[in-house]
Amino acid sequence: MKISNLEVQIRILPENPGIYKFFDNQNNIIYIGKAINIKKRVVSYFNTKHTHFRTKLLVKQIFKIENIVVETEMDALLLENNLIKKFKPKYNVLLKDDKTYPWICIEKKPKPRIYYTRNYNKGNGEFFGPFTNVKSVKFLIKLIKNVYPFLNHDLIHLLKKGDEEINSSEIKNNFLSIKSMIKGNFKDSLNDFKLKMEKLSSQMKYEEAQKEKQKIDILLNYQVKSTIVNPKITDIDVYSIFTDEIFSYVNFMQISHGAIISSYTLEVKKKLNENDLEILKISIIELRQRFNSKSKEVLIPFNINLGDEIKCIVPKSGDKKKLVDLSLKNAKSFRMERFKQIKITDPERHYKRLLSQIKVDLRLKSNPFHIECFDNSNLQGENPVASCVVFKNSKPSKNEYRHYNIKTVKGPNDFASMEEIVFRRYSRLINEKKSLPQLIIVDGGKGQLSSAIKSLKKLNLQNKIAIIGIAKRLEEIYFPNDPIPLYLDKKSETLKVIQNLRNEAHRFAIKLHRNKRSKNVFVSNLDNIKGIGEKTKIKLIKDLKSFKKIKKASKKELINSIGKSKAEILHDFINSNYK
């Protein structure tokens, strides 16, 4: 069944906070929305029966979907606000200027005043924000005034009368701390509150100590201004690059009046061994032309010479560095969306790319089209079993899965069990002249890996098949003759494939072990009944599943299963021993 282009776009959406833009077939933005989980929110438009006529009409007109990933829900809220004001989509409620978000202003005066306002006027003082919650702003101002009394309005009123003196240098020195608090850096203030709380508590002033604790709790949970909105950052472009073996992904964000107004990611296919600097430089020139950017400043991750007319900045910290990091996050997000799209529309290309990545990450000689994974399962040495699962082209090949009953090992010995099943598996494949895997994965650390290698040596397969072990605790990847493990990124596609194989082998082994254990328990209850043989036990297992059900079965049910004479023997035994 062919999947529509719109359905593909929905499937590949990220599950991060951010905004989404709906376009019609004329490439006009018709709606901008925010979400904690972009994919979940967009899917809801298509899975819900809408009662509102305008919503129904909106959904019918959606032709294309774009998104911008941000760090938090608040960032998404602020970005949505700015983009709605810029593009004025016809299905959005237009936000008027008097309904915009509040700012905190500190006056640039010898005796400053701190207050919140919805009117941003640079000449009035230094502004921080915007904020999404007026209550939070009021609380923060009150909190700052408690910590720094010289900002209190009543105190300033007294100072004007000359009733008190205040050291202007003290005010100046405290401004850095005040700005840090507004920006969410509460370390010093938190330490002060904690010391006060502990002191009051030691003096048994528990009510006052509780007030200090409440301040601490509020500060810890407090969310401050957006990292993507800063009024000091005006008319500037932001670029970042993320590269894999085949493609580079260059993200461009356009900042105007302190807010993101557009974001675009360019996919560049590498022809030769171009480095990131070369690709980014060419991409910046292309993107500036494409978007008609006249910005004289650009933020980039490393130094590039773009001529005398353009100032290149490589930020090391602060809001500008956060913007570069956010741009990189969007580049990575786009890359994952492309992978998801390829997986849906071109599965062959997807698995070839994935196998190429595994080859690089695990330092293999060839792409592992055929991978096998082994796992053991036992309970204190009882009913030991093992499993082998097979993946071909990065997908499970379940008809090739194999179960093993451990034959030569007594007691709980995972190393010896691993040696046995690896030998049995590949000696059989050799005898039957079947294809061997390019990669073997062993569930376990160095011990299990060494045991598997012993069997490969016996079969003269050492160095002919790549083999690794994966330890569960920290997901270490072990290689033969290498004591230092490899740690893959937790989000690595290669690690996810290895984990999938390991988990599948474990599930398959556990399933056999449980079945075997329950069968043994079941059979053991029938062992002492004279006249009930092995075939009868198997028939009872098949028909009634458990000994508990046998005990509850009527005489008629037993007769239907194993015949009259044996049913009478079993029925009498149950009545004598269990009733």
Protein backbone atom coordinates (compact mmCIF):
# COMPACT_ATOMS: atom_id res chain seq x y z
CA MET A 1 0.00 0.00 0.00
CA LYS A 2 1.43 3.35 -1.09
CA ILE A 3 1.91 5.91 1.66
CA SER A 4 1.00 9.51 0.91
CA ASN A 5 3.63 12.22 1.11
CA LEU A 6 1.76 13.91 3.99
CA GLU A 7 1.63 10.66 5.98
CA VAL A 8 5.38 10.23 5.55
CA GLN A 9 5.93 13.78 6.84
CA ILE A 10 3.82 13.02 9.93
CA ARG A 11 5.61 9.73 10.66
CA ILE A 12 9.07 11.30 10.64
CA LEU A 13 8.27 14.23 12.92
CA PRO A 14 10.47 14.52 16.05
CA GLU A 15 9.13 13.87 19.54
CA ASN A 16 10.79 16.98 21.00
CA PRO A 17 9.44 20.33 22.20
CA GLY A 18 9.09 22.87 19.43
CA ILE A 19 6.81 24.49 16.90
CA TYR A 20 5.16 23.09 13.77
CA LYS A 21 4.05 24.96 10.65
CA PHE A 22 1.23 23.82 8.38
CA PHE A 23 1.43 24.85 4.70
CA ASP A 24 -1.25 24.69 1.99
CA ASN A 25 -0.61 23.54 -1.59
CA GLN A 26 0.41 27.13 -2.51
CA ASN A 27 3.23 26.97 0.10
CA ASN A 28 1.48 29.51 2.34
CA ILE A 29 1.76 29.09 6.11
CA ILE A 30 -1.82 28.54 7.33
CA TYR A 31 -1.16 27.60 10.95
CA ILE A 32 1.66 27.69 13.51
CA GLY A 33 1.41 25.69 16.73
CA LYS A 34 3.58 24.71 19.70
CA ALA A 35 3.94 21.38 21.47
CA ILE A 36 5.91 19.53 24.13
CA ASN A 37 5.92 16.59 21.72
CA ILE A 38 5.66 17.81 18.10
CA LYS A 39 4.76 14.43 16.59
CA LYS A 40 2.11 13.58 19.17
CA ARG A 41 0.44 16.99 18.77
CA VAL A 42 0.40 16.91 14.95
CA VAL A 43 -0.92 13.33 14.87
CA SER A 44 -3.84 14.43 17.06
CA TYR A 45 -5.10 16.69 14.23
CA PHE A 46 -5.56 13.67 12.00
CA ASN A 47 -6.75 11.11 14.58
CA THR A 48 -9.44 13.24 16.20
CA LYS A 49 -12.97 13.87 14.93
CA HIS A 50 -13.11 17.64 15.03
CA THR A 51 -16.42 19.31 15.79
CA HIS A 52 -15.25 22.84 15.00
CA PHE A 53 -15.73 23.80 11.35
CA ARG A 54 -12.52 25.89 11.12
CA THR A 55 -10.41 23.00 12.45
CA LYS A 56 -11.92 20.61 9.90
CA LEU A 57 -11.18 23.11 7.16
CA LEU A 58 -7.60 23.56 8.42
CA VAL A 59 -6.86 19.82 8.38
CA LYS A 60 -8.22 19.47 4.83
CA GLN A 61 -5.86 22.20 3.59
CA ILE A 62 -2.63 20.82 5.16
CA PHE A 63 -0.21 19.93 2.35
CA LYS A 64 3.21 20.26 3.99
CA ILE A 65 4.56 20.27 7.56
CA GLU A 66 7.77 21.85 8.86
CA ASN A 67 9.10 22.09 12.39
CA ILE A 68 11.69 23.81 14.56
CA VAL A 69 13.04 21.92 17.59
CA VAL A 70 13.74 23.87 20.80
CA GLU A 71 14.86 22.99 24.33
CA THR A 72 11.76 23.58 26.45
CA GLU A 73 8.02 24.10 26.31
CA MET A 74 8.56 27.76 27.21
CA ASP A 75 10.93 28.22 24.27
CA ALA A 76 8.23 26.75 22.02
CA LEU A 77 5.62 29.13 23.44
CA LEU A 78 7.77 32.19 22.84
CA LEU A 79 8.84 31.08 19.37
CA GLU A 80 5.21 30.43 18.43
CA ASN A 81 4.33 33.95 19.59
CA ASN A 82 7.06 35.55 17.47
CA LEU A 83 6.33 33.55 14.33
CA ILE A 84 2.58 34.20 14.49
CA LYS A 85 3.28 37.94 14.68
CA LYS A 86 5.63 37.73 11.69
CA PHE A 87 3.66 35.45 9.33
CA LYS A 88 0.05 36.07 10.53
CA PRO A 89 -1.31 32.62 9.47
CA LYS A 90 -5.00 32.77 8.68
CA TYR A 91 -6.01 30.07 11.17
CA ASN A 92 -4.05 31.52 14.12
CA VAL A 93 -5.39 34.02 16.63
CA LEU A 94 -3.31 37.14 15.99
CA LEU A 95 -1.50 38.38 19.07
CA LYS A 96 -1.62 42.15 19.44
CA ASP A 97 1.28 44.10 20.88
CA ASP A 98 -0.58 44.92 24.10
CA LYS A 99 -1.01 41.21 24.70
CA THR A 100 2.67 40.33 24.37
CA TYR A 101 4.75 38.72 27.10
CA PRO A 102 6.12 40.70 30.06
CA TRP A 103 9.72 41.85 30.51
CA ILE A 104 11.75 42.73 33.59
CA CYS A 105 13.38 46.15 33.48
CA ILE A 106 16.16 47.46 35.72
CA GLU A 107 16.53 51.22 35.43
CA LYS A 108 19.98 52.57 34.66
CA LYS A 109 20.03 55.09 37.50
CA PRO A 110 22.19 55.62 40.61
CA LYS A 111 19.16 54.53 42.63
CA PRO A 112 17.62 51.95 40.29
CA ARG A 113 14.10 50.60 40.24
CA ILE A 114 13.16 47.08 39.14
CA TYR A 115 9.74 46.41 37.62
CA TYR A 116 7.95 44.38 34.96
CA THR A 117 6.39 45.81 31.79
CA ARG A 118 4.87 44.70 28.49
CA ASN A 119 6.37 47.65 26.64
CA TYR A 120 9.92 47.06 25.55
CA ASN A 121 11.75 50.39 25.41
CA LYS A 122 15.52 50.09 25.36
CA GLY A 123 15.99 53.66 26.58
CA ASN A 124 14.28 52.99 29.93
CA GLY A 125 16.93 50.59 31.21
CA GLU A 126 18.21 47.04 30.85
CA PHE A 127 15.53 44.52 29.82
CA PHE A 128 15.35 40.77 30.52
CA GLY A 129 12.86 38.34 29.04
CA PRO A 130 10.34 37.89 27.70
CA PHE A 131 8.61 35.72 30.28
CA THR A 132 5.53 33.55 29.80
CA ASN A 133 4.01 33.89 33.24
CA VAL A 134 3.23 37.21 35.00
CA LYS A 135 2.99 35.50 38.40
CA SER A 136 6.51 34.11 38.00
CA VAL A 137 7.78 37.57 37.08
CA LYS A 138 6.13 39.19 40.13
CA PHE A 139 7.51 36.50 42.41
CA LEU A 140 11.01 36.87 40.96
CA ILE A 141 10.97 40.67 41.44
CA LYS A 142 9.74 40.25 45.02
CA LEU A 143 12.42 37.65 45.67
CA ILE A 144 15.16 39.88 44.30
CA LYS A 145 13.98 42.79 46.44
CA ASN A 146 14.10 40.57 49.53
CA VAL A 147 17.66 39.58 48.75
CA TYR A 148 18.72 43.07 47.66
CA PRO A 149 16.70 45.63 49.69
CA PHE A 150 18.18 48.62 47.90
CA LEU A 151 15.86 47.78 44.98
CA ASN A 152 12.82 48.13 47.18
CA HIS A 153 10.60 51.04 46.13
CA ASP A 154 9.95 52.18 49.72
CA LEU A 155 13.64 52.31 50.49
CA ILE A 156 14.29 54.42 47.40
CA HIS A 157 11.59 56.82 48.54
CA LEU A 158 13.42 57.23 51.87
CA LEU A 159 16.75 57.70 50.14
CA LYS A 160 15.36 60.60 48.14
CA LYS A 161 14.61 62.30 51.43
CA GLY A 162 18.14 61.74 52.59
CA ASP A 163 17.06 59.72 55.59
CA GLU A 164 19.45 56.93 54.73
CA GLU A 165 22.61 56.42 52.76
CA ILE A 166 23.49 53.64 50.44
CA ASN A 167 26.78 52.79 48.92
CA SER A 168 26.52 53.17 45.13
CA SER A 169 29.47 50.84 44.61
CA GLU A 170 27.55 48.15 46.52
CA ILE A 171 24.65 48.58 44.11
CA LYS A 172 27.02 48.27 41.15
CA ASN A 173 28.70 45.17 42.55
CA ASN A 174 25.37 43.50 43.22
CA PHE A 175 24.08 44.04 39.71
CA LEU A 176 25.92 40.99 38.37
CA SER A 177 24.23 38.77 40.97
CA ILE A 178 20.84 40.33 40.20
CA LYS A 179 21.24 39.72 36.49
CA SER A 180 22.30 36.14 37.19
CA MET A 181 19.13 35.56 39.20
CA ILE A 182 16.96 36.95 36.43
CA LYS A 183 18.72 34.67 33.94
CA GLY A 184 18.13 31.69 36.19
CA ASN A 185 21.58 31.36 37.79
CA PHE A 186 20.51 30.96 41.39
CA LYS A 187 23.61 29.25 42.78
CA ASP A 188 24.70 32.02 45.16
CA SER A 189 21.15 32.80 46.25
CA LEU A 190 20.38 29.13 46.84
CA ASN A 191 23.46 28.79 49.02
CA ASP A 192 22.38 31.83 51.06
CA PHE A 193 18.87 30.47 51.51
CA LYS A 194 20.21 27.06 52.55
CA LEU A 195 22.51 28.59 55.15
CA LYS A 196 19.65 30.71 56.52
CA MET A 197 17.37 27.68 56.61
CA GLU A 198 19.93 25.56 58.47
CA LYS A 199 20.65 28.37 60.93
CA LEU A 200 16.96 28.96 61.65
CA SER A 201 16.37 25.25 61.98
CA SER A 202 19.22 24.91 64.50
CA GLN A 203 17.62 27.76 66.48
CA MET A 204 14.32 25.82 66.37
CA LYS A 205 12.66 28.59 64.35
CA TYR A 206 10.94 26.07 62.12
CA GLU A 207 8.30 28.35 60.62
CA GLU A 208 10.91 30.84 59.42
CA ALA A 209 13.10 27.98 58.19
CA GLN A 210 10.15 26.63 56.20
CA LYS A 211 9.79 29.99 54.44
CA GLU A 212 13.42 29.79 53.34
CA LYS A 213 12.85 26.23 52.13
CA GLN A 214 9.86 27.39 50.07
CA LYS A 215 12.10 29.96 48.40
CA ILE A 216 14.60 27.22 47.59
CA ASP A 217 11.89 24.97 46.13
CA ILE A 218 10.48 27.75 43.98
CA LEU A 219 13.91 28.71 42.68
CA LEU A 220 14.75 25.11 41.81
CA ASN A 221 11.52 24.75 39.85
CA TYR A 222 11.65 28.19 38.34
CA GLN A 223 11.80 28.54 34.57
CA VAL A 224 13.19 31.78 33.27
CA LYS A 225 13.51 33.50 29.96
CA SER A 226 13.84 31.65 26.73
CA THR A 227 17.28 30.76 25.45
CA ILE A 228 16.10 31.57 21.95
CA VAL A 229 14.96 35.12 22.65
CA ASN A 230 17.38 37.86 23.57
CA PRO A 231 16.70 41.47 22.51
CA LYS A 232 20.41 42.21 22.33
CA ILE A 233 20.81 39.67 19.51
CA THR A 234 19.42 41.44 16.45
CA ASP A 235 19.60 40.71 12.71
CA ILE A 236 22.05 37.86 12.91
CA ASP A 237 22.34 34.49 11.13
CA VAL A 238 23.23 31.24 12.89
CA TYR A 239 24.84 28.24 11.19
CA SER A 240 25.85 24.77 12.33
CA ILE A 241 26.92 21.55 10.64
CA PHE A 242 26.59 17.84 11.40
CA THR A 243 28.34 15.25 9.23
CA ASP A 244 28.18 11.50 8.74
CA GLU A 245 29.91 9.24 6.21
CA ILE A 246 27.85 10.30 3.21
CA PHE A 247 26.05 13.57 3.95
CA SER A 248 26.52 16.86 5.76
CA TYR A 249 23.57 18.70 7.28
CA VAL A 250 23.89 22.47 7.54
CA ASN A 251 21.27 24.28 9.60
CA PHE A 252 20.51 27.97 9.11
CA MET A 253 18.53 30.07 11.61
CA GLN A 254 17.61 33.69 10.98
CA ILE A 255 17.37 35.92 14.07
CA SER A 256 15.54 39.24 13.95
CA HIS A 257 14.87 41.49 16.97
CA GLY A 258 16.02 38.76 19.30
CA ALA A 259 13.82 35.95 17.97
CA ILE A 260 14.07 33.09 15.50
CA ILE A 261 12.03 33.93 12.42
CA SER A 262 13.06 31.02 10.20
CA SER A 263 15.01 27.78 10.24
CA TYR A 264 16.17 25.62 7.33
CA THR A 265 18.47 22.61 7.02
CA LEU A 266 20.45 21.95 3.85
CA GLU A 267 21.44 18.36 3.03
CA VAL A 268 24.78 18.17 1.21
CA LYS A 269 26.05 14.95 -0.35
CA LYS A 270 29.80 14.60 -0.12
CA LYS A 271 31.57 13.80 -3.39
CA LEU A 272 35.16 13.64 -2.20
CA ASN A 273 36.71 13.80 1.24
CA GLU A 274 35.56 17.36 1.94
CA ASN A 275 35.95 18.61 5.50
CA ASP A 276 33.32 20.42 7.56
CA LEU A 277 34.98 23.82 7.09
CA GLU A 278 34.79 23.60 3.27
CA ILE A 279 31.20 22.36 3.26
CA LEU A 280 29.98 24.94 5.79
CA LYS A 281 31.62 27.83 3.89
CA ILE A 282 29.99 26.84 0.58
CA SER A 283 26.65 26.20 2.31
CA ILE A 284 26.63 29.61 4.03
CA ILE A 285 27.11 31.37 0.68
CA GLU A 286 24.31 29.27 -0.87
CA LEU A 287 21.88 29.81 2.03
CA ARG A 288 22.51 33.58 2.20
CA GLN A 289 21.66 33.82 -1.50
CA ARG A 290 18.65 31.54 -1.23
CA PHE A 291 17.13 33.46 1.70
CA ASN A 292 18.41 36.88 0.56
CA SER A 293 20.15 37.40 3.90
CA LYS A 294 21.81 40.81 4.37
CA SER A 295 23.02 40.13 7.91
CA LYS A 296 26.46 41.52 8.68
CA GLU A 297 27.03 39.07 11.54
CA VAL A 298 26.94 35.28 11.59
CA LEU A 299 27.28 32.82 14.47
CA ILE A 300 29.23 29.69 13.54
CA PRO A 301 30.77 26.68 15.37
CA PHE A 302 34.35 27.33 14.14
CA ASN A 303 36.32 30.05 12.38
CA ILE A 304 35.57 30.73 8.71
CA ASN A 305 36.67 33.65 6.54
CA LEU A 306 33.64 35.00 4.67
CA GLY A 307 35.20 38.29 3.59
CA ASP A 308 35.57 41.70 5.18
CA GLU A 309 31.87 42.58 5.00
CA ILE A 310 30.68 39.71 7.20
CA LYS A 311 31.69 39.43 10.86
CA CYS A 312 32.05 35.77 11.90
CA ILE A 313 31.59 35.02 15.61
CA VAL A 314 32.41 31.71 17.30
CA PRO A 315 30.63 32.03 20.68
CA LYS A 316 32.07 30.14 23.62
CA SER A 317 29.26 30.78 26.15
CA GLY A 318 26.06 32.73 26.78
CA ASP A 319 22.92 33.13 24.68
CA LYS A 320 24.81 33.19 21.38
CA LYS A 321 26.44 29.84 22.16
CA LYS A 322 22.99 28.48 23.05
CA LEU A 323 21.74 29.57 19.63
CA VAL A 324 24.56 27.69 17.87
CA ASP A 325 23.79 24.62 20.00
CA LEU A 326 20.10 24.91 19.13
CA SER A 327 20.98 25.15 15.44
CA LEU A 328 23.06 21.97 15.74
CA LYS A 329 20.14 20.25 17.48
CA ASN A 330 17.90 21.11 14.52
CA ALA A 331 20.52 19.78 12.08
CA LYS A 332 20.63 16.46 13.95
CA SER A 333 16.84 16.37 14.16
CA PHE A 334 16.58 16.89 10.38
CA ARG A 335 19.05 14.06 9.82
CA MET A 336 16.92 11.69 11.91
CA GLU A 337 13.79 12.79 10.03
CA ARG A 338 15.52 12.00 6.74
CA PHE A 339 16.53 8.57 8.04
CA LYS A 340 12.94 7.87 9.08
CA GLN A 341 11.71 9.02 5.68
CA ILE A 342 14.15 6.78 3.83
CA LYS A 343 13.19 3.85 6.07
CA ILE A 344 9.55 4.28 5.02
CA THR A 345 9.97 5.15 1.34
CA ASP A 346 13.21 3.32 0.46
CA PRO A 347 13.87 0.44 2.92
CA GLU A 348 16.79 -0.95 0.89
CA ARG A 349 18.67 2.34 1.01
CA HIS A 350 17.93 2.56 4.75
CA TYR A 351 19.37 -0.79 5.72
CA LYS A 352 22.44 -0.30 3.48
CA ARG A 353 23.15 3.02 5.17
CA LEU A 354 22.59 1.46 8.61
CA LEU A 355 24.89 -1.47 7.87
CA SER A 356 27.56 0.92 6.60
CA GLN A 357 27.33 2.81 9.89
CA ILE A 358 27.66 -0.44 11.89
CA LYS A 359 30.70 -1.35 9.81
CA VAL A 360 32.37 1.97 10.66
CA ASP A 361 31.43 1.95 14.36
CA LEU A 362 32.55 -1.65 14.97
CA ARG A 363 35.63 -1.47 12.71
CA LEU A 364 34.44 -4.34 10.49
CA LYS A 365 35.94 -5.38 7.14
CA SER A 366 32.55 -5.56 5.41
CA ASN A 367 28.91 -4.64 5.91
CA PRO A 368 27.27 -7.13 8.34
CA PHE A 369 24.30 -8.22 6.20
CA HIS A 370 24.00 -11.38 8.33
CA ILE A 371 24.32 -11.03 12.14
CA GLU A 372 23.79 -13.73 14.82
CA CYS A 373 23.49 -13.27 18.56
CA PHE A 374 23.78 -15.86 21.37
CA ASP A 375 22.43 -15.93 24.93
CA ASN A 376 22.25 -18.45 27.80
CA SER A 377 19.47 -18.95 30.35
CA ASN A 378 19.35 -21.07 33.52
CA LEU A 379 18.22 -20.94 37.14
CA GLN A 380 21.10 -21.98 39.41
CA GLY A 381 22.17 -24.49 36.80
CA GLU A 382 18.71 -26.05 36.42
CA ASN A 383 17.19 -26.48 32.96
CA PRO A 384 20.06 -24.72 31.10
CA VAL A 385 19.13 -23.56 27.60
CA ALA A 386 20.48 -21.16 25.00
CA SER A 387 19.29 -19.26 21.98
CA CYS A 388 20.60 -18.00 18.67
CA VAL A 389 18.75 -15.22 16.86
CA VAL A 390 19.47 -14.16 13.28
CA PHE A 391 19.18 -10.70 11.72
CA LYS A 392 19.50 -10.20 7.98
CA ASN A 393 19.64 -6.72 6.48
CA SER A 394 19.17 -5.35 10.04
CA LYS A 395 15.80 -7.16 10.43
CA PRO A 396 14.91 -10.31 12.41
CA SER A 397 14.85 -13.52 10.38
CA LYS A 398 12.67 -15.46 12.83
CA ASN A 399 12.45 -18.67 10.80
CA GLU A 400 16.22 -19.03 11.35
CA TYR A 401 16.08 -18.61 15.16
CA ARG A 402 17.35 -21.64 17.06
CA HIS A 403 16.88 -23.03 20.59
CA TYR A 404 19.52 -25.19 22.30
CA ASN A 405 19.33 -27.55 25.27
CA ILE A 406 22.75 -27.56 26.93
CA LYS A 407 24.08 -31.14 26.75
CA THR A 408 27.70 -31.21 27.95
CA VAL A 409 27.66 -28.72 30.84
CA LYS A 410 26.65 -29.54 34.41
CA GLY A 411 25.68 -26.79 36.81
CA PRO A 412 25.65 -22.99 36.29
CA ASN A 413 28.54 -22.40 33.89
CA ASP A 414 27.72 -19.69 31.34
CA PHE A 415 31.21 -19.74 29.84
CA ALA A 416 31.17 -23.46 29.04
CA SER A 417 27.56 -23.23 27.81
CA MET A 418 28.50 -20.43 25.40
CA GLU A 419 31.44 -22.46 24.11
CA GLU A 420 29.15 -25.44 23.49
CA ILE A 421 26.37 -23.65 21.59
CA VAL A 422 28.73 -21.61 19.38
CA PHE A 423 30.57 -24.79 18.41
CA ARG A 424 27.32 -26.67 17.72
CA ARG A 425 25.88 -23.80 15.68
CA TYR A 426 28.77 -23.30 13.29
CA SER A 427 29.91 -26.89 12.97
CA ARG A 428 26.39 -27.61 11.70
CA LEU A 429 26.39 -24.65 9.28
CA ILE A 430 29.75 -25.81 7.92
CA ASN A 431 28.55 -29.42 7.51
CA GLU A 432 25.37 -28.27 5.77
CA LYS A 433 27.41 -25.81 3.63
CA LYS A 434 25.23 -22.88 4.64
CA SER A 435 26.30 -19.25 4.67
CA LEU A 436 28.07 -17.92 7.73
CA PRO A 437 27.37 -14.53 9.36
CA GLN A 438 29.61 -11.48 8.96
CA LEU A 439 29.19 -10.66 12.67
CA ILE A 440 28.60 -12.69 15.85
CA ILE A 441 27.36 -10.98 19.02
CA VAL A 442 27.70 -12.66 22.41
CA ASP A 443 25.53 -11.55 25.32
CA GLY A 444 28.15 -11.07 28.04
CA GLY A 445 31.53 -9.59 28.78
CA LYS A 446 35.09 -10.80 28.28
CA GLY A 447 34.43 -14.28 29.75
CA GLN A 448 31.59 -15.21 27.39
CA LEU A 449 33.46 -13.68 24.44
CA SER A 450 36.61 -15.71 25.16
CA SER A 451 34.55 -18.92 25.38
CA ALA A 452 32.93 -18.25 22.00
CA ILE A 453 36.34 -17.54 20.44
CA LYS A 454 37.61 -20.96 21.66
CA SER A 455 34.91 -22.63 19.55
CA LEU A 456 35.69 -20.50 16.52
CA LYS A 457 39.37 -21.52 16.84
CA LYS A 458 38.39 -25.21 16.93
CA LEU A 459 36.41 -24.70 13.72
CA ASN A 460 39.19 -22.66 12.08
CA LEU A 461 36.84 -19.66 11.87
CA GLN A 462 38.88 -17.25 13.95
CA ASN A 463 39.57 -14.00 12.04
CA LYS A 464 37.10 -15.14 9.38
CA ILE A 465 34.00 -13.98 11.28
CA ALA A 466 33.93 -10.78 13.31
CA ILE A 467 32.81 -11.31 16.91
CA ILE A 468 32.01 -8.96 19.80
CA GLY A 469 30.56 -9.20 23.31
CA ILE A 470 28.17 -6.77 24.95
CA ALA A 471 28.08 -6.42 28.73
CA LYS A 472 24.72 -5.35 30.16
CA ARG A 473 25.83 -3.07 33.00
CA LEU A 474 27.28 -0.16 31.01
CA GLU A 475 26.67 -1.54 27.51
CA GLU A 476 30.40 -2.05 26.95
CA ILE A 477 31.37 -3.52 23.58
CA TYR A 478 34.29 -5.97 23.86
CA PHE A 479 36.55 -7.04 20.98
CA PRO A 480 38.89 -10.08 20.84
CA ASN A 481 42.33 -9.45 22.36
CA ASP A 482 41.39 -5.93 23.44
CA PRO A 483 40.94 -5.34 27.20
CA ILE A 484 39.56 -1.82 26.68
CA PRO A 485 35.86 -1.80 25.76
CA LEU A 486 34.14 0.48 23.28
CA TYR A 487 31.40 2.77 24.56
CA LEU A 488 28.98 3.85 21.87
CA ASP A 489 26.76 6.88 22.19
CA LYS A 490 23.46 5.97 23.89
CA LYS A 491 21.58 7.35 20.88
CA SER A 492 23.79 5.52 18.38
CA GLU A 493 21.91 3.54 15.73
CA THR A 494 24.60 0.86 15.91
CA LEU A 495 24.08 0.41 19.65
CA LYS A 496 20.32 0.22 19.16
CA VAL A 497 20.74 -2.61 16.62
CA ILE A 498 23.09 -4.50 18.99
CA GLN A 499 20.67 -3.98 21.89
CA ASN A 500 17.78 -5.17 19.76
CA LEU A 501 19.68 -8.36 18.90
CA ARG A 502 20.72 -8.93 22.51
CA ASN A 503 17.19 -8.35 23.84
CA GLU A 504 15.69 -10.64 21.22
CA ALA A 505 18.17 -13.43 22.03
CA HIS A 506 17.43 -13.00 25.74
CA ARG A 507 13.66 -13.09 25.17
CA PHE A 508 13.96 -16.20 23.01
CA ALA A 509 16.18 -18.02 25.54
CA ILE A 510 13.96 -17.07 28.50
CA LYS A 511 10.89 -18.33 26.68
CA LEU A 512 12.42 -21.78 26.17
CA HIS A 513 13.76 -21.88 29.74
CA ARG A 514 10.36 -21.07 31.24
CA ASN A 515 8.59 -23.62 29.08
CA LYS A 516 11.12 -26.28 29.98
CA ARG A 517 10.96 -25.45 33.69
CA SER A 518 7.17 -25.46 33.81
CA LYS A 519 7.07 -28.73 31.85
CA ASN A 520 9.49 -30.34 34.30
CA VAL A 521 7.46 -29.16 37.27
CA PHE A 522 4.30 -30.40 35.60
CA VAL A 523 5.71 -33.81 34.75
CA SER A 524 7.29 -34.32 38.17
CA ASN A 525 3.84 -34.23 39.83
CA LEU A 526 2.76 -37.16 37.68
CA ASP A 527 5.93 -39.22 37.98
CA ASN A 528 4.78 -41.35 40.92
CA ILE A 529 1.44 -42.46 39.47
CA LYS A 530 1.55 -46.11 38.49
CA GLY A 531 -0.08 -46.63 35.09
CA ILE A 532 0.58 -43.08 33.80
CA GLY A 533 3.42 -43.24 31.29
CA GLU A 534 5.43 -40.64 29.36
CA LYS A 535 3.06 -40.48 26.38
CA THR A 536 0.09 -39.96 28.68
CA LYS A 537 1.89 -37.11 30.46
CA ILE A 538 2.64 -35.39 27.12
CA LYS A 539 -1.02 -35.80 26.11
CA LEU A 540 -2.14 -34.22 29.38
CA ILE A 541 0.33 -31.35 28.90
CA LYS A 542 -1.06 -30.72 25.44
CA ASP A 543 -4.74 -30.85 26.46
CA LEU A 544 -4.86 -29.37 29.96
CA LYS A 545 -1.69 -27.21 30.04
CA SER A 546 -1.04 -27.32 33.81
CA PHE A 547 -1.23 -29.65 36.81
CA LYS A 548 -3.56 -27.16 38.51
CA LYS A 549 -6.10 -27.62 35.71
CA ILE A 550 -5.74 -31.40 35.87
CA LYS A 551 -6.64 -31.35 39.56
CA LYS A 552 -9.76 -29.30 38.82
CA ALA A 553 -10.74 -31.37 35.74
CA SER A 554 -13.83 -33.55 35.88
CA LYS A 555 -13.65 -37.28 35.27
CA LYS A 556 -15.35 -36.77 31.90
CA GLU A 557 -12.66 -34.25 30.82
CA LEU A 558 -9.90 -36.69 31.81
CA ILE A 559 -11.59 -39.50 29.85
CA ASN A 560 -11.81 -37.29 26.76
CA SER A 561 -8.09 -36.63 27.02
CA ILE A 562 -6.45 -39.97 27.96
CA GLY A 563 -9.19 -42.63 27.87
CA LYS A 564 -11.35 -44.26 30.55
CA SER A 565 -8.92 -46.63 32.26
CA LYS A 566 -6.07 -44.12 32.70
CA ALA A 567 -8.53 -41.38 33.58
CA GLU A 568 -9.86 -43.50 36.47
CA ILE A 569 -6.32 -44.14 37.74
CA LEU A 570 -5.51 -40.39 37.62
CA HIS A 571 -8.87 -39.38 39.11
CA ASP A 572 -8.43 -41.75 42.08
CA PHE A 573 -4.86 -40.50 42.65
CA ILE A 574 -5.97 -36.86 42.71
CA ASN A 575 -8.85 -37.59 45.10
CA SER A 576 -6.55 -39.50 47.45
CA ASN A 577 -3.72 -36.96 47.52
CA TYR A 578 -5.13 -33.49 46.77
CA LYS A 579 -8.77 -33.44 47.95
